[in-house]
Amino acid sequence: MSIYIIIKTDTMKTLSKLGIMALLAGSLFMTSCAGEYYVTAQPTDEVYVRPAAPYYGAVWIDGDWVWSGGRYVHQGGHWARPRSGRVYVAGAWYHGPRGYAWRRGHWR
């Protein structure tokens, strides 16, 4: 009887430790994804030709800037299906107290 209790207790401790480690790892991942990154000068806009719409009613989503390797990198635009009752708000640069940062586009 006492051996069963010891094994069960050890298993519960191990599971608790694994759960805590998973929560910590998840919270670290989420905080690394969020945040604003500032640069002293905003990058110049990329110039590219918008391809023809693939179907009637498609919505063009302008290119976005993402933080990668210590700098902003441009990702080209794409066509998307419209979302009922929503509009797409394009991303934009804004000047804050520490320099320029990019606000990503989003559906509103």
C-alpha atoms as a PDB file:
ATOM      1  CA  MET A   1       0.000   0.000   0.000  1.00  0.00           C
ATOM      2  CA  SER A   2       2.714   2.507   0.904  1.00  0.00           C
ATOM      3  CA  ILE A   3       4.711   1.757  -2.292  1.00  0.00           C
ATOM      4  CA  TYR A   4       1.639   2.654  -4.391  1.00  0.00           C
ATOM      5  CA  ILE A   5       1.268   5.988  -2.577  1.00  0.00           C
ATOM      6  CA  ILE A   6       4.959   6.843  -3.111  1.00  0.00           C
ATOM      7  CA  ILE A   7       4.769   6.029  -6.847  1.00  0.00           C
ATOM      8  CA  LYS A   8       1.545   7.994  -7.239  1.00  0.00           C
ATOM      9  CA  THR A   9       3.039  11.001  -5.387  1.00  0.00           C
ATOM     10  CA  ASP A  10       6.197  10.935  -7.540  1.00  0.00           C
ATOM     11  CA  THR A  11       4.102  10.759 -10.706  1.00  0.00           C
ATOM     12  CA  MET A  12       1.997  13.734  -9.597  1.00  0.00           C
ATOM     13  CA  LYS A  13       5.131  15.762  -8.774  1.00  0.00           C
ATOM     14  CA  THR A  14       6.584  14.975 -12.197  1.00  0.00           C
ATOM     15  CA  LEU A  15       3.368  15.926 -13.965  1.00  0.00           C
ATOM     16  CA  SER A  16       3.150  19.157 -11.967  1.00  0.00           C
ATOM     17  CA  LYS A  17       6.728  20.069 -12.891  1.00  0.00           C
ATOM     18  CA  LEU A  18       6.069  19.334 -16.573  1.00  0.00           C
ATOM     19  CA  GLY A  19       2.923  21.451 -16.478  1.00  0.00           C
ATOM     20  CA  ILE A  20       4.752  24.386 -14.917  1.00  0.00           C
ATOM     21  CA  MET A  21       7.576  24.099 -17.471  1.00  0.00           C
ATOM     22  CA  ALA A  22       5.058  24.050 -20.331  1.00  0.00           C
ATOM     23  CA  LEU A  23       3.333  27.169 -18.984  1.00  0.00           C
ATOM     24  CA  LEU A  24       6.637  29.008 -18.631  1.00  0.00           C
ATOM     25  CA  ALA A  25       7.739  28.027 -22.124  1.00  0.00           C
ATOM     26  CA  GLY A  26       4.396  29.147 -23.561  1.00  0.00           C
ATOM     27  CA  SER A  27       4.518  32.492 -21.784  1.00  0.00           C
ATOM     28  CA  LEU A  28       8.088  33.109 -22.993  1.00  0.00           C
ATOM     29  CA  PHE A  29       7.023  32.318 -26.559  1.00  0.00           C
ATOM     30  CA  MET A  30       4.062  34.687 -26.378  1.00  0.00           C
ATOM     31  CA  THR A  31       6.115  37.567 -24.963  1.00  0.00           C
ATOM     32  CA  SER A  32       8.780  37.130 -27.636  1.00  0.00           C
ATOM     33  CA  CYS A  33       6.134  37.460 -30.363  1.00  0.00           C
ATOM     34  CA  ALA A  34       4.682  40.664 -29.005  1.00  0.00           C
ATOM     35  CA  GLY A  35       6.311  44.022 -28.757  1.00  0.00           C
ATOM     36  CA  GLU A  36       7.292  47.073 -30.689  1.00  0.00           C
ATOM     37  CA  TYR A  37      10.638  47.418 -32.345  1.00  0.00           C
ATOM     38  CA  TYR A  38      11.935  50.900 -33.048  1.00  0.00           C
ATOM     39  CA  VAL A  39      14.282  52.148 -35.764  1.00  0.00           C
ATOM     40  CA  THR A  40      15.731  55.623 -36.218  1.00  0.00           C
ATOM     41  CA  ALA A  41      14.400  55.957 -39.786  1.00  0.00           C
ATOM     42  CA  GLN A  42      11.519  54.116 -41.384  1.00  0.00           C
ATOM     43  CA  PRO A  43      12.488  51.928 -44.353  1.00  0.00           C
ATOM     44  CA  THR A  44      11.507  53.034 -47.838  1.00  0.00           C
ATOM     45  CA  ASP A  45       8.368  51.432 -49.221  1.00  0.00           C
ATOM     46  CA  GLU A  46       8.824  48.483 -51.518  1.00  0.00           C
ATOM     47  CA  VAL A  47       7.574  49.013 -55.068  1.00  0.00           C
ATOM     48  CA  TYR A  48       5.954  46.053 -56.765  1.00  0.00           C
ATOM     49  CA  VAL A  49       3.170  45.398 -59.254  1.00  0.00           C
ATOM     50  CA  ARG A  50      -0.121  44.280 -57.763  1.00  0.00           C
ATOM     51  CA  PRO A  51      -1.251  41.125 -59.585  1.00  0.00           C
ATOM     52  CA  ALA A  52      -4.773  40.859 -61.000  1.00  0.00           C
ATOM     53  CA  ALA A  53      -7.475  39.806 -58.559  1.00  0.00           C
ATOM     54  CA  PRO A  54      -7.936  36.020 -58.565  1.00  0.00           C
ATOM     55  CA  TYR A  55     -11.742  36.323 -58.244  1.00  0.00           C
ATOM     56  CA  TYR A  56     -14.451  38.950 -58.040  1.00  0.00           C
ATOM     57  CA  GLY A  57     -14.652  40.703 -54.663  1.00  0.00           C
ATOM     58  CA  ALA A  58     -11.127  39.795 -53.510  1.00  0.00           C
ATOM     59  CA  VAL A  59      -9.568  42.332 -51.123  1.00  0.00           C
ATOM     60  CA  TRP A  60      -5.975  43.463 -51.591  1.00  0.00           C
ATOM     61  CA  ILE A  61      -3.937  43.341 -48.380  1.00  0.00           C
ATOM     62  CA  ASP A  62      -0.933  45.667 -48.686  1.00  0.00           C
ATOM     63  CA  GLY A  63       2.513  44.403 -47.824  1.00  0.00           C
ATOM     64  CA  ASP A  64       3.545  44.312 -44.186  1.00  0.00           C
ATOM     65  CA  TRP A  65       6.785  44.929 -42.338  1.00  0.00           C
ATOM     66  CA  VAL A  66       7.953  42.244 -39.908  1.00  0.00           C
ATOM     67  CA  TRP A  67      10.838  42.333 -37.443  1.00  0.00           C
ATOM     68  CA  SER A  68      13.456  39.749 -38.359  1.00  0.00           C
ATOM     69  CA  GLY A  69      17.166  39.536 -37.656  1.00  0.00           C
ATOM     70  CA  GLY A  70      17.308  42.866 -35.856  1.00  0.00           C
ATOM     71  CA  ARG A  71      15.622  44.864 -38.628  1.00  0.00           C
ATOM     72  CA  TYR A  72      12.322  45.330 -40.424  1.00  0.00           C
ATOM     73  CA  VAL A  73      11.836  43.152 -43.516  1.00  0.00           C
ATOM     74  CA  HIS A  74       9.060  43.743 -46.043  1.00  0.00           C
ATOM     75  CA  GLN A  75       6.594  40.994 -46.910  1.00  0.00           C
ATOM     76  CA  GLY A  76       4.683  41.470 -50.149  1.00  0.00           C
ATOM     77  CA  GLY A  77       0.948  42.019 -50.287  1.00  0.00           C
ATOM     78  CA  HIS A  78      -1.652  39.404 -51.182  1.00  0.00           C
ATOM     79  CA  TRP A  79      -5.300  38.933 -52.101  1.00  0.00           C
ATOM     80  CA  ALA A  80      -7.708  37.737 -49.423  1.00  0.00           C
ATOM     81  CA  ARG A  81     -11.359  36.838 -49.123  1.00  0.00           C
ATOM     82  CA  PRO A  82     -13.442  39.663 -47.681  1.00  0.00           C
ATOM     83  CA  ARG A  83     -14.725  39.189 -44.145  1.00  0.00           C
ATOM     84  CA  SER A  84     -18.392  39.865 -43.709  1.00  0.00           C
ATOM     85  CA  GLY A  85     -19.092  43.119 -41.872  1.00  0.00           C
ATOM     86  CA  ARG A  86     -15.388  43.945 -41.504  1.00  0.00           C
ATOM     87  CA  VAL A  87     -12.881  46.182 -43.253  1.00  0.00           C
ATOM     88  CA  TYR A  88      -9.140  45.835 -43.536  1.00  0.00           C
ATOM     89  CA  VAL A  89      -7.107  48.604 -41.924  1.00  0.00           C
ATOM     90  CA  ALA A  90      -3.693  48.873 -43.594  1.00  0.00           C
ATOM     91  CA  GLY A  91      -0.546  48.887 -41.497  1.00  0.00           C
ATOM     92  CA  ALA A  92       1.327  52.148 -41.034  1.00  0.00           C
ATOM     93  CA  TRP A  93       4.507  53.609 -39.584  1.00  0.00           C
ATOM     94  CA  TYR A  94       4.213  55.823 -36.561  1.00  0.00           C
ATOM     95  CA  HIS A  95       6.762  57.977 -34.810  1.00  0.00           C
ATOM     96  CA  GLY A  96       7.065  57.322 -31.108  1.00  0.00           C
ATOM     97  CA  PRO A  97       9.414  58.599 -28.413  1.00  0.00           C
ATOM     98  CA  ARG A  98      12.094  56.027 -29.323  1.00  0.00           C
ATOM     99  CA  GLY A  99      11.859  56.288 -33.120  1.00  0.00           C
ATOM    100  CA  TYR A 100       9.689  54.693 -35.804  1.00  0.00           C
ATOM    101  CA  ALA A 101       7.695  51.506 -35.317  1.00  0.00           C
ATOM    102  CA  TRP A 102       5.303  49.586 -37.559  1.00  0.00           C
ATOM    103  CA  ARG A 103       1.670  48.953 -36.657  1.00  0.00           C
ATOM    104  CA  ARG A 104       0.536  45.853 -38.500  1.00  0.00           C
ATOM    105  CA  GLY A 105      -2.561  45.836 -40.637  1.00  0.00           C
ATOM    106  CA  HIS A 106      -5.651  44.109 -39.273  1.00  0.00           C
ATOM    107  CA  TRP A 107      -9.330  43.413 -39.868  1.00  0.00           C
ATOM    108  CA  ARG A 108     -11.708  45.652 -37.942  1.00  0.00           C
END
